[in-house]
Amino acid sequence: MTNSISWVYWALLSAMFAAMTAIFAKIGIKGVDSDLATLVRTAIIILVLTAFVVLTGKWSNPFELSSRTWIFLGLSGLATGASWVCYFRALQLGEASKVAPIDKFSLVLVAVFAFTFLGERPSPREWAGIAMVACGVLVLAIKR
């Protein structure tokens, strides 16, 4: 696979698994505290990823990573944890078909943050698509 096709393949798989995450989580949190459910899910993720990294021969000493890498991966982990806690709480309180699209407002925020902090410059066509996503989120979020 060429590199340009490869990232699309992985992104589509990510979207599919994210959709499955919402459905499985909504079923799994019934009658369970959402924070406990998030902890259980996180523990499973740690086990699966550890096995994956070891079995694919990708293990290396994490203490050899730079302090900058540790700081930003640490911040990313904290943001992920906060996102998951909020997502599971929203799923427990709302419908998955409404929570998941609003959660995807992160796409709009990623574009704005990437523009602001990473110097990325989406084309006008890409900004139009991002604006459509934002509008779609508003349509789903506004009560009738």
N, C-alpha and C. Protein backbone atom coordinates (compact mmCIF):
# COMPACT_ATOMS: atom_id res chain seq x y z
N MET A 1 0.83 -1.18 0.00
CA MET A 1 0.00 0.00 0.00
C MET A 1 0.88 1.24 0.00
N THR A 2 0.50 2.21 -0.80
CA THR A 2 1.26 3.46 -0.76
C THR A 2 0.94 4.18 0.54
N ASN A 3 1.81 5.07 0.92
CA ASN A 3 1.63 5.79 2.19
C ASN A 3 0.33 6.58 2.21
N SER A 4 -0.05 7.19 1.08
CA SER A 4 -1.27 7.99 1.06
C SER A 4 -2.52 7.13 1.21
N ILE A 5 -2.48 5.92 0.73
CA ILE A 5 -3.62 5.02 0.89
C ILE A 5 -3.58 4.36 2.28
N SER A 6 -2.39 4.10 2.76
CA SER A 6 -2.22 3.42 4.04
C SER A 6 -2.88 4.18 5.19
N TRP A 7 -2.68 5.48 5.26
CA TRP A 7 -3.26 6.22 6.39
C TRP A 7 -4.79 6.24 6.29
N VAL A 8 -5.33 6.26 5.08
CA VAL A 8 -6.78 6.23 4.91
C VAL A 8 -7.34 4.90 5.40
N TYR A 9 -6.67 3.82 5.06
CA TYR A 9 -7.07 2.49 5.51
C TYR A 9 -7.14 2.44 7.04
N TRP A 10 -6.08 2.89 7.69
CA TRP A 10 -6.03 2.87 9.15
C TRP A 10 -7.05 3.83 9.76
N ALA A 11 -7.27 4.96 9.13
CA ALA A 11 -8.26 5.91 9.63
C ALA A 11 -9.68 5.33 9.52
N LEU A 12 -9.96 4.63 8.42
CA LEU A 12 -11.28 4.00 8.29
C LEU A 12 -11.47 2.89 9.32
N LEU A 13 -10.42 2.11 9.56
CA LEU A 13 -10.50 1.10 10.62
C LEU A 13 -10.73 1.75 11.98
N SER A 14 -10.05 2.86 12.22
CA SER A 14 -10.24 3.59 13.47
C SER A 14 -11.69 4.02 13.63
N ALA A 15 -12.28 4.56 12.56
CA ALA A 15 -13.68 4.98 12.60
C ALA A 15 -14.60 3.79 12.88
N MET A 16 -14.33 2.67 12.23
CA MET A 16 -15.15 1.48 12.45
C MET A 16 -15.06 1.02 13.91
N PHE A 17 -13.84 0.95 14.44
CA PHE A 17 -13.68 0.51 15.82
C PHE A 17 -14.25 1.53 16.81
N ALA A 18 -14.16 2.82 16.48
CA ALA A 18 -14.76 3.84 17.34
C ALA A 18 -16.28 3.68 17.38
N ALA A 19 -16.87 3.36 16.24
CA ALA A 19 -18.32 3.12 16.20
C ALA A 19 -18.68 1.91 17.05
N MET A 20 -17.88 0.85 16.92
CA MET A 20 -18.12 -0.34 17.72
C MET A 20 -17.95 -0.04 19.21
N THR A 21 -16.99 0.81 19.53
CA THR A 21 -16.76 1.21 20.91
C THR A 21 -18.01 1.83 21.51
N ALA A 22 -18.64 2.73 20.77
CA ALA A 22 -19.84 3.39 21.28
C ALA A 22 -20.96 2.39 21.53
N ILE A 23 -21.18 1.48 20.60
CA ILE A 23 -22.27 0.52 20.74
C ILE A 23 -21.99 -0.46 21.88
N PHE A 24 -20.78 -1.04 21.90
CA PHE A 24 -20.44 -1.98 22.96
C PHE A 24 -20.45 -1.30 24.34
N ALA A 25 -19.95 -0.07 24.40
CA ALA A 25 -19.92 0.64 25.68
C ALA A 25 -21.34 0.94 26.17
N LYS A 26 -22.20 1.38 25.28
CA LYS A 26 -23.58 1.69 25.66
C LYS A 26 -24.26 0.46 26.24
N ILE A 27 -24.02 -0.69 25.64
CA ILE A 27 -24.59 -1.94 26.16
C ILE A 27 -23.93 -2.31 27.49
N GLY A 28 -22.59 -2.15 27.55
CA GLY A 28 -21.84 -2.60 28.72
C GLY A 28 -22.01 -1.75 29.97
N ILE A 29 -22.37 -0.47 29.82
CA ILE A 29 -22.45 0.39 31.01
C ILE A 29 -23.82 0.39 31.67
N LYS A 30 -24.74 -0.38 31.10
CA LYS A 30 -26.08 -0.42 31.70
C LYS A 30 -25.99 -0.96 33.12
N GLY A 31 -26.39 -0.15 34.07
CA GLY A 31 -26.38 -0.56 35.47
C GLY A 31 -25.01 -0.52 36.12
N VAL A 32 -24.01 0.09 35.45
CA VAL A 32 -22.64 0.17 35.97
C VAL A 32 -22.22 1.63 36.00
N ASP A 33 -21.50 2.03 37.03
CA ASP A 33 -20.98 3.39 37.07
C ASP A 33 -20.06 3.62 35.88
N SER A 34 -20.23 4.74 35.20
CA SER A 34 -19.47 5.00 33.98
C SER A 34 -17.97 5.11 34.24
N ASP A 35 -17.58 5.62 35.42
CA ASP A 35 -16.15 5.72 35.73
C ASP A 35 -15.53 4.33 35.94
N LEU A 36 -16.26 3.44 36.61
CA LEU A 36 -15.77 2.07 36.78
C LEU A 36 -15.67 1.38 35.43
N ALA A 37 -16.66 1.61 34.57
CA ALA A 37 -16.63 1.01 33.24
C ALA A 37 -15.42 1.51 32.45
N THR A 38 -15.10 2.78 32.58
CA THR A 38 -13.92 3.34 31.91
C THR A 38 -12.64 2.69 32.42
N LEU A 39 -12.56 2.46 33.72
CA LEU A 39 -11.39 1.81 34.31
C LEU A 39 -11.24 0.39 33.77
N VAL A 40 -12.33 -0.36 33.72
CA VAL A 40 -12.28 -1.73 33.21
C VAL A 40 -11.81 -1.73 31.76
N ARG A 41 -12.39 -0.86 30.95
CA ARG A 41 -12.00 -0.77 29.54
C ARG A 41 -10.53 -0.41 29.41
N THR A 42 -10.06 0.52 30.21
CA THR A 42 -8.65 0.93 30.16
C THR A 42 -7.72 -0.21 30.53
N ALA A 43 -8.08 -0.98 31.55
CA ALA A 43 -7.26 -2.13 31.95
C ALA A 43 -7.16 -3.14 30.81
N ILE A 44 -8.27 -3.36 30.13
CA ILE A 44 -8.26 -4.30 28.99
C ILE A 44 -7.37 -3.75 27.88
N ILE A 45 -7.46 -2.47 27.62
CA ILE A 45 -6.62 -1.85 26.59
C ILE A 45 -5.14 -2.02 26.93
N ILE A 46 -4.78 -1.82 28.18
CA ILE A 46 -3.37 -1.97 28.60
C ILE A 46 -2.89 -3.40 28.34
N LEU A 47 -3.71 -4.38 28.71
CA LEU A 47 -3.33 -5.78 28.49
C LEU A 47 -3.17 -6.10 27.01
N VAL A 48 -4.15 -5.69 26.21
CA VAL A 48 -4.12 -5.99 24.78
C VAL A 48 -2.94 -5.30 24.10
N LEU A 49 -2.72 -4.03 24.40
CA LEU A 49 -1.61 -3.31 23.76
C LEU A 49 -0.26 -3.84 24.20
N THR A 50 -0.14 -4.22 25.46
CA THR A 50 1.12 -4.81 25.93
C THR A 50 1.42 -6.08 25.15
N ALA A 51 0.43 -6.95 25.05
CA ALA A 51 0.62 -8.20 24.29
C ALA A 51 0.95 -7.90 22.83
N PHE A 52 0.26 -6.96 22.22
CA PHE A 52 0.50 -6.60 20.83
C PHE A 52 1.93 -6.10 20.61
N VAL A 53 2.38 -5.19 21.46
CA VAL A 53 3.72 -4.63 21.31
C VAL A 53 4.79 -5.71 21.51
N VAL A 54 4.61 -6.55 22.50
CA VAL A 54 5.58 -7.61 22.77
C VAL A 54 5.58 -8.64 21.64
N LEU A 55 4.39 -9.11 21.25
CA LEU A 55 4.30 -10.17 20.24
C LEU A 55 4.73 -9.73 18.84
N THR A 56 4.64 -8.44 18.56
CA THR A 56 5.08 -7.95 17.24
C THR A 56 6.53 -7.48 17.26
N GLY A 57 7.21 -7.68 18.39
CA GLY A 57 8.62 -7.33 18.49
C GLY A 57 8.89 -5.83 18.51
N LYS A 58 7.92 -5.05 18.92
CA LYS A 58 8.07 -3.60 18.94
C LYS A 58 8.47 -3.06 20.31
N TRP A 59 8.69 -3.95 21.26
CA TRP A 59 9.03 -3.50 22.60
C TRP A 59 10.42 -2.90 22.63
N SER A 60 10.54 -1.75 23.27
CA SER A 60 11.84 -1.17 23.58
C SER A 60 11.71 -0.49 24.95
N ASN A 61 12.81 -0.14 25.52
CA ASN A 61 12.80 0.43 26.86
C ASN A 61 12.15 1.82 26.83
N PRO A 62 10.98 1.97 27.45
CA PRO A 62 10.32 3.28 27.42
C PRO A 62 11.09 4.36 28.20
N PHE A 63 11.98 3.93 29.09
CA PHE A 63 12.75 4.91 29.86
C PHE A 63 13.85 5.56 29.03
N GLU A 64 14.06 5.06 27.83
CA GLU A 64 15.02 5.67 26.92
C GLU A 64 14.41 6.76 26.06
N LEU A 65 13.10 6.96 26.18
CA LEU A 65 12.43 8.02 25.43
C LEU A 65 12.85 9.38 26.00
N SER A 66 12.82 10.39 25.16
CA SER A 66 13.20 11.73 25.60
C SER A 66 12.18 12.28 26.60
N SER A 67 12.60 13.25 27.39
CA SER A 67 11.69 13.86 28.36
C SER A 67 10.55 14.58 27.63
N ARG A 68 10.85 15.17 26.47
CA ARG A 68 9.81 15.84 25.68
C ARG A 68 8.75 14.82 25.26
N THR A 69 9.17 13.64 24.81
CA THR A 69 8.23 12.60 24.43
C THR A 69 7.38 12.19 25.61
N TRP A 70 8.00 11.98 26.77
CA TRP A 70 7.27 11.61 27.98
C TRP A 70 6.23 12.67 28.34
N ILE A 71 6.63 13.94 28.28
CA ILE A 71 5.71 15.02 28.65
C ILE A 71 4.49 15.03 27.74
N PHE A 72 4.74 14.99 26.42
CA PHE A 72 3.60 15.10 25.51
C PHE A 72 2.77 13.82 25.43
N LEU A 73 3.40 12.65 25.57
CA LEU A 73 2.60 11.43 25.65
C LEU A 73 1.82 11.39 26.97
N GLY A 74 2.43 11.91 28.03
CA GLY A 74 1.73 12.01 29.31
C GLY A 74 0.52 12.92 29.22
N LEU A 75 0.70 14.08 28.60
CA LEU A 75 -0.42 15.01 28.41
C LEU A 75 -1.50 14.38 27.52
N SER A 76 -1.07 13.66 26.49
CA SER A 76 -2.02 12.98 25.62
C SER A 76 -2.80 11.92 26.41
N GLY A 77 -2.10 11.19 27.27
CA GLY A 77 -2.77 10.19 28.10
C GLY A 77 -3.78 10.81 29.05
N LEU A 78 -3.41 11.95 29.65
CA LEU A 78 -4.35 12.64 30.54
C LEU A 78 -5.57 13.12 29.77
N ALA A 79 -5.35 13.66 28.57
CA ALA A 79 -6.47 14.12 27.75
C ALA A 79 -7.35 12.94 27.33
N THR A 80 -6.72 11.82 26.97
CA THR A 80 -7.48 10.62 26.60
C THR A 80 -8.33 10.15 27.77
N GLY A 81 -7.74 10.08 28.95
CA GLY A 81 -8.48 9.65 30.13
C GLY A 81 -9.67 10.55 30.41
N ALA A 82 -9.44 11.86 30.33
CA ALA A 82 -10.54 12.81 30.56
C ALA A 82 -11.63 12.64 29.50
N SER A 83 -11.21 12.45 28.25
CA SER A 83 -12.17 12.25 27.16
C SER A 83 -13.00 11.00 27.40
N TRP A 84 -12.34 9.91 27.78
CA TRP A 84 -13.07 8.67 28.02
C TRP A 84 -14.05 8.77 29.17
N VAL A 85 -13.64 9.43 30.25
CA VAL A 85 -14.54 9.60 31.40
C VAL A 85 -15.78 10.38 30.96
N CYS A 86 -15.56 11.47 30.22
CA CYS A 86 -16.68 12.28 29.75
C CYS A 86 -17.54 11.51 28.75
N TYR A 87 -16.92 10.78 27.84
CA TYR A 87 -17.63 10.02 26.82
C TYR A 87 -18.52 8.96 27.45
N PHE A 88 -17.96 8.21 28.39
CA PHE A 88 -18.75 7.16 29.03
C PHE A 88 -19.89 7.75 29.85
N ARG A 89 -19.65 8.88 30.50
CA ARG A 89 -20.73 9.54 31.25
C ARG A 89 -21.83 9.97 30.28
N ALA A 90 -21.44 10.57 29.15
CA ALA A 90 -22.42 11.00 28.16
C ALA A 90 -23.20 9.80 27.61
N LEU A 91 -22.49 8.69 27.34
CA LEU A 91 -23.17 7.49 26.85
C LEU A 91 -24.16 6.94 27.87
N GLN A 92 -23.79 7.04 29.13
CA GLN A 92 -24.68 6.52 30.16
C GLN A 92 -25.95 7.36 30.24
N LEU A 93 -25.81 8.65 29.99
CA LEU A 93 -26.95 9.57 30.12
C LEU A 93 -27.74 9.77 28.83
N GLY A 94 -27.09 9.57 27.68
CA GLY A 94 -27.74 9.87 26.41
C GLY A 94 -27.72 8.70 25.45
N GLU A 95 -28.27 8.93 24.28
CA GLU A 95 -28.32 7.91 23.24
C GLU A 95 -27.01 7.89 22.47
N ALA A 96 -26.52 6.68 22.19
CA ALA A 96 -25.24 6.53 21.48
C ALA A 96 -25.27 7.25 20.13
N SER A 97 -26.41 7.21 19.45
CA SER A 97 -26.52 7.84 18.13
C SER A 97 -26.46 9.36 18.20
N LYS A 98 -26.62 9.92 19.38
CA LYS A 98 -26.50 11.37 19.56
C LYS A 98 -25.17 11.75 20.20
N VAL A 99 -24.70 10.92 21.12
CA VAL A 99 -23.44 11.21 21.81
C VAL A 99 -22.25 11.11 20.86
N ALA A 100 -22.18 10.03 20.09
CA ALA A 100 -21.02 9.81 19.23
C ALA A 100 -20.79 10.93 18.21
N PRO A 101 -21.84 11.39 17.51
CA PRO A 101 -21.58 12.49 16.57
C PRO A 101 -21.10 13.77 17.25
N ILE A 102 -21.64 14.07 18.41
CA ILE A 102 -21.18 15.27 19.12
C ILE A 102 -19.74 15.09 19.57
N ASP A 103 -19.40 13.89 20.00
CA ASP A 103 -18.01 13.59 20.36
C ASP A 103 -17.08 13.85 19.17
N LYS A 104 -17.58 13.64 17.97
CA LYS A 104 -16.75 13.85 16.78
C LYS A 104 -16.55 15.32 16.45
N PHE A 105 -17.12 16.22 17.28
CA PHE A 105 -16.78 17.63 17.16
C PHE A 105 -15.29 17.81 17.37
N SER A 106 -14.68 16.78 17.96
CA SER A 106 -13.22 16.80 18.12
C SER A 106 -12.52 17.00 16.78
N LEU A 107 -13.12 16.56 15.69
CA LEU A 107 -12.54 16.77 14.36
C LEU A 107 -12.36 18.26 14.09
N VAL A 108 -13.37 19.05 14.42
CA VAL A 108 -13.31 20.50 14.23
C VAL A 108 -12.22 21.08 15.12
N LEU A 109 -12.20 20.65 16.37
CA LEU A 109 -11.20 21.16 17.31
C LEU A 109 -9.79 20.77 16.91
N VAL A 110 -9.60 19.55 16.41
CA VAL A 110 -8.28 19.12 15.94
C VAL A 110 -7.81 20.04 14.82
N ALA A 111 -8.70 20.35 13.89
CA ALA A 111 -8.31 21.23 12.78
C ALA A 111 -7.90 22.61 13.29
N VAL A 112 -8.67 23.16 14.22
CA VAL A 112 -8.35 24.48 14.77
C VAL A 112 -7.04 24.43 15.56
N PHE A 113 -6.88 23.41 16.40
CA PHE A 113 -5.65 23.29 17.18
C PHE A 113 -4.43 23.03 16.30
N ALA A 114 -4.60 22.19 15.28
CA ALA A 114 -3.48 21.91 14.36
C ALA A 114 -3.09 23.18 13.61
N PHE A 115 -4.05 23.99 13.24
CA PHE A 115 -3.78 25.28 12.59
C PHE A 115 -3.03 26.20 13.54
N THR A 116 -3.51 26.26 14.78
CA THR A 116 -2.96 27.19 15.77
C THR A 116 -1.59 26.76 16.28
N PHE A 117 -1.45 25.49 16.62
CA PHE A 117 -0.24 25.04 17.31
C PHE A 117 0.77 24.29 16.44
N LEU A 118 0.30 23.69 15.35
CA LEU A 118 1.20 22.88 14.52
C LEU A 118 1.52 23.53 13.18
N GLY A 119 0.86 24.63 12.90
CA GLY A 119 1.12 25.31 11.64
C GLY A 119 0.52 24.62 10.43
N GLU A 120 -0.41 23.71 10.63
CA GLU A 120 -1.05 23.04 9.50
C GLU A 120 -2.02 24.02 8.85
N ARG A 121 -2.12 23.93 7.54
CA ARG A 121 -2.95 24.86 6.79
C ARG A 121 -3.90 24.10 5.86
N PRO A 122 -5.09 23.74 6.39
CA PRO A 122 -6.07 23.08 5.53
C PRO A 122 -6.46 23.99 4.36
N SER A 123 -6.79 23.37 3.24
CA SER A 123 -7.23 24.12 2.06
C SER A 123 -8.64 24.65 2.30
N PRO A 124 -9.08 25.61 1.49
CA PRO A 124 -10.46 26.09 1.62
C PRO A 124 -11.49 24.96 1.52
N ARG A 125 -11.24 24.00 0.64
CA ARG A 125 -12.14 22.85 0.51
C ARG A 125 -12.18 22.06 1.82
N GLU A 126 -11.02 21.86 2.44
CA GLU A 126 -10.97 21.13 3.72
C GLU A 126 -11.67 21.92 4.83
N TRP A 127 -11.48 23.25 4.86
CA TRP A 127 -12.18 24.07 5.85
C TRP A 127 -13.69 23.97 5.65
N ALA A 128 -14.13 23.91 4.38
CA ALA A 128 -15.56 23.77 4.10
C ALA A 128 -16.09 22.46 4.68
N GLY A 129 -15.34 21.39 4.51
CA GLY A 129 -15.74 20.10 5.09
C GLY A 129 -15.78 20.15 6.61
N ILE A 130 -14.80 20.79 7.20
CA ILE A 130 -14.75 20.94 8.66
C ILE A 130 -15.96 21.75 9.14
N ALA A 131 -16.30 22.81 8.41
CA ALA A 131 -17.47 23.62 8.76
C ALA A 131 -18.75 22.80 8.66
N MET A 132 -18.83 21.92 7.65
CA MET A 132 -20.01 21.06 7.51
C MET A 132 -20.13 20.11 8.69
N VAL A 133 -19.01 19.58 9.15
CA VAL A 133 -19.04 18.72 10.33
C VAL A 133 -19.56 19.52 11.53
N ALA A 134 -19.05 20.74 11.69
CA ALA A 134 -19.50 21.59 12.81
C ALA A 134 -21.00 21.83 12.72
N CYS A 135 -21.50 22.12 11.52
CA CYS A 135 -22.94 22.33 11.33
C CYS A 135 -23.73 21.06 11.64
N GLY A 136 -23.19 19.93 11.22
CA GLY A 136 -23.85 18.65 11.51
C GLY A 136 -23.95 18.39 13.00
N VAL A 137 -22.90 18.71 13.72
CA VAL A 137 -22.93 18.56 15.18
C VAL A 137 -24.00 19.46 15.78
N LEU A 138 -24.08 20.70 15.30
CA LEU A 138 -25.12 21.63 15.81
C LEU A 138 -26.52 21.09 15.53
N VAL A 139 -26.74 20.56 14.35
CA VAL A 139 -28.05 20.00 13.99
C VAL A 139 -28.42 18.87 14.96
N LEU A 140 -27.43 18.03 15.26
CA LEU A 140 -27.70 16.90 16.17
C LEU A 140 -27.85 17.33 17.62
N ALA A 141 -27.16 18.40 18.00
CA ALA A 141 -27.16 18.83 19.40
C ALA A 141 -28.37 19.68 19.78
N ILE A 142 -28.92 20.40 18.82
CA ILE A 142 -30.03 21.30 19.12
C ILE A 142 -31.31 20.48 19.22
N LYS A 143 -32.02 20.68 20.34
CA LYS A 143 -33.27 19.95 20.54
C LYS A 143 -34.35 20.52 19.63
N ARG A 144 -35.25 19.66 19.23
CA ARG A 144 -36.35 20.08 18.36
C ARG A 144 -37.41 20.79 19.14
